[in-house]
Amino acid sequence: VPHFYCHFKQFVVVQNAPGMFSFVAKEKWNAWNAKKGLSKEDAEVEYIKVVESLKEKYGI
């Protein structure tokens, strides 16, 4: 899920790091931050690729 989420957040918003006890939010932020520097357009393309692969995998 973080792989999917990080592309979405990269092209939708910019966010600040969550508090140190927000474990789920911190994991999401780490995934997003790993894609830092990726353009909005590239992030959108990667997001679509992930969605398409999930659709194919689960037959949606």
N, C-alpha and C. Protein backbone atom coordinates (compact mmCIF):
# COMPACT_ATOMS: atom_id res chain seq x y z
N VAL A 1 0.81 -1.19 0.00
CA VAL A 1 0.00 0.00 0.00
C VAL A 1 0.86 1.27 0.00
N PRO A 2 1.95 1.31 0.77
CA PRO A 2 2.75 2.55 0.73
C PRO A 2 3.25 2.88 -0.67
N HIS A 3 3.57 1.86 -1.47
CA HIS A 3 4.03 2.10 -2.84
C HIS A 3 2.94 2.81 -3.65
N PHE A 4 1.73 2.37 -3.49
CA PHE A 4 0.57 2.95 -4.16
C PHE A 4 0.32 4.36 -3.65
N TYR A 5 0.33 4.51 -2.34
CA TYR A 5 0.01 5.77 -1.68
C TYR A 5 1.03 6.87 -2.00
N CYS A 6 2.30 6.50 -2.05
CA CYS A 6 3.34 7.52 -2.25
C CYS A 6 3.21 8.22 -3.59
N HIS A 7 2.83 7.49 -4.64
CA HIS A 7 2.65 8.13 -5.95
C HIS A 7 1.45 9.07 -5.93
N PHE A 8 0.38 8.63 -5.30
CA PHE A 8 -0.81 9.47 -5.19
C PHE A 8 -0.49 10.78 -4.48
N LYS A 9 0.14 10.69 -3.32
CA LYS A 9 0.44 11.89 -2.54
C LYS A 9 1.43 12.79 -3.25
N GLN A 10 2.33 12.20 -4.02
CA GLN A 10 3.35 12.99 -4.70
C GLN A 10 2.71 13.94 -5.71
N PHE A 11 1.68 13.49 -6.42
CA PHE A 11 1.10 14.38 -7.43
C PHE A 11 -0.12 15.14 -6.93
N VAL A 12 -0.61 14.83 -5.74
CA VAL A 12 -1.79 15.51 -5.23
C VAL A 12 -1.44 16.65 -4.27
N VAL A 13 -0.60 16.39 -3.29
CA VAL A 13 -0.31 17.39 -2.26
C VAL A 13 1.14 17.31 -1.80
N VAL A 14 1.53 18.33 -1.09
CA VAL A 14 2.80 18.32 -0.37
C VAL A 14 2.43 18.35 1.10
N GLN A 15 3.07 17.52 1.89
CA GLN A 15 2.69 17.46 3.30
C GLN A 15 3.92 17.51 4.19
N ASN A 16 3.69 17.87 5.44
CA ASN A 16 4.75 17.90 6.44
C ASN A 16 4.82 16.55 7.14
N ALA A 17 5.96 16.27 7.75
CA ALA A 17 6.14 15.02 8.48
C ALA A 17 5.16 14.95 9.66
N PRO A 18 4.58 13.77 9.91
CA PRO A 18 3.66 13.61 11.04
C PRO A 18 4.42 13.50 12.35
N GLY A 19 3.69 13.54 13.43
CA GLY A 19 4.30 13.38 14.76
C GLY A 19 4.91 12.00 14.93
N MET A 20 5.83 11.86 15.86
CA MET A 20 6.56 10.61 16.01
C MET A 20 5.72 9.46 16.54
N PHE A 21 4.56 9.71 17.11
CA PHE A 21 3.70 8.64 17.59
C PHE A 21 2.56 8.31 16.63
N SER A 22 2.53 8.95 15.49
CA SER A 22 1.54 8.65 14.45
C SER A 22 2.17 7.61 13.52
N PHE A 23 2.16 6.35 13.95
CA PHE A 23 2.91 5.31 13.26
C PHE A 23 2.43 5.06 11.83
N VAL A 24 1.14 5.00 11.62
CA VAL A 24 0.62 4.78 10.27
C VAL A 24 0.92 5.98 9.39
N ALA A 25 0.66 7.17 9.91
CA ALA A 25 0.93 8.39 9.15
C ALA A 25 2.43 8.51 8.84
N LYS A 26 3.27 8.12 9.77
CA LYS A 26 4.72 8.18 9.56
C LYS A 26 5.15 7.22 8.44
N GLU A 27 4.58 6.03 8.41
CA GLU A 27 4.91 5.06 7.35
C GLU A 27 4.48 5.59 5.99
N LYS A 28 3.31 6.18 5.92
CA LYS A 28 2.85 6.78 4.67
C LYS A 28 3.76 7.92 4.25
N TRP A 29 4.15 8.76 5.22
CA TRP A 29 5.01 9.88 4.91
C TRP A 29 6.38 9.40 4.43
N ASN A 30 6.91 8.35 5.05
CA ASN A 30 8.20 7.80 4.62
C ASN A 30 8.13 7.31 3.17
N ALA A 31 7.03 6.65 2.82
CA ALA A 31 6.86 6.18 1.43
C ALA A 31 6.78 7.37 0.48
N TRP A 32 6.03 8.39 0.87
CA TRP A 32 5.90 9.59 0.04
C TRP A 32 7.25 10.30 -0.08
N ASN A 33 7.95 10.44 1.04
CA ASN A 33 9.21 11.16 1.05
C ASN A 33 10.28 10.44 0.22
N ALA A 34 10.18 9.14 0.09
CA ALA A 34 11.14 8.37 -0.71
C ALA A 34 11.04 8.76 -2.19
N LYS A 35 9.92 9.32 -2.59
CA LYS A 35 9.71 9.74 -3.98
C LYS A 35 9.96 11.23 -4.16
N LYS A 36 10.55 11.87 -3.18
CA LYS A 36 10.82 13.30 -3.22
C LYS A 36 11.62 13.64 -4.48
N GLY A 37 11.21 14.69 -5.16
CA GLY A 37 11.89 15.11 -6.38
C GLY A 37 11.23 14.58 -7.64
N LEU A 38 10.32 13.63 -7.49
CA LEU A 38 9.58 13.10 -8.63
C LEU A 38 8.56 14.15 -9.06
N SER A 39 8.52 14.47 -10.34
CA SER A 39 7.59 15.50 -10.81
C SER A 39 6.15 15.02 -10.64
N LYS A 40 5.22 15.96 -10.60
CA LYS A 40 3.81 15.60 -10.49
C LYS A 40 3.38 14.71 -11.65
N GLU A 41 3.87 15.03 -12.84
CA GLU A 41 3.49 14.27 -14.03
C GLU A 41 4.03 12.84 -13.94
N ASP A 42 5.29 12.69 -13.53
CA ASP A 42 5.87 11.35 -13.41
C ASP A 42 5.18 10.55 -12.31
N ALA A 43 4.85 11.21 -11.21
CA ALA A 43 4.15 10.53 -10.12
C ALA A 43 2.77 10.07 -10.57
N GLU A 44 2.10 10.89 -11.36
CA GLU A 44 0.78 10.51 -11.86
C GLU A 44 0.88 9.30 -12.78
N VAL A 45 1.89 9.29 -13.65
CA VAL A 45 2.10 8.16 -14.56
C VAL A 45 2.37 6.89 -13.75
N GLU A 46 3.23 6.98 -12.74
CA GLU A 46 3.54 5.82 -11.90
C GLU A 46 2.30 5.34 -11.15
N TYR A 47 1.51 6.28 -10.65
CA TYR A 47 0.27 5.94 -9.94
C TYR A 47 -0.68 5.16 -10.86
N ILE A 48 -0.83 5.63 -12.06
CA ILE A 48 -1.70 4.95 -13.02
C ILE A 48 -1.19 3.55 -13.32
N LYS A 49 0.13 3.40 -13.45
CA LYS A 49 0.71 2.07 -13.69
C LYS A 49 0.39 1.12 -12.54
N VAL A 50 0.50 1.61 -11.30
CA VAL A 50 0.21 0.78 -10.14
C VAL A 50 -1.26 0.39 -10.13
N VAL A 51 -2.15 1.35 -10.40
CA VAL A 51 -3.59 1.07 -10.44
C VAL A 51 -3.89 0.03 -11.51
N GLU A 52 -3.32 0.20 -12.69
CA GLU A 52 -3.57 -0.74 -13.77
C GLU A 52 -3.07 -2.14 -13.42
N SER A 53 -1.92 -2.23 -12.77
CA SER A 53 -1.40 -3.55 -12.40
C SER A 53 -2.30 -4.20 -11.34
N LEU A 54 -2.84 -3.40 -10.41
CA LEU A 54 -3.76 -3.94 -9.42
C LEU A 54 -5.07 -4.39 -10.05
N LYS A 55 -5.55 -3.62 -11.00
CA LYS A 55 -6.78 -4.00 -11.72
C LYS A 55 -6.58 -5.32 -12.44
N GLU A 56 -5.43 -5.48 -13.08
CA GLU A 56 -5.14 -6.71 -13.81
C GLU A 56 -4.99 -7.89 -12.83
N LYS A 57 -4.30 -7.65 -11.73
CA LYS A 57 -4.06 -8.70 -10.72
C LYS A 57 -5.36 -9.20 -10.12
N TYR A 58 -6.29 -8.28 -9.81
CA TYR A 58 -7.52 -8.64 -9.13
C TYR A 58 -8.74 -8.70 -10.03
N GLY A 59 -8.53 -8.53 -11.33
CA GLY A 59 -9.61 -8.68 -12.30
C GLY A 59 -10.71 -7.66 -12.18
N ILE A 60 -10.34 -6.45 -11.90
CA ILE A 60 -11.34 -5.37 -11.75
C ILE A 60 -11.51 -4.66 -13.06
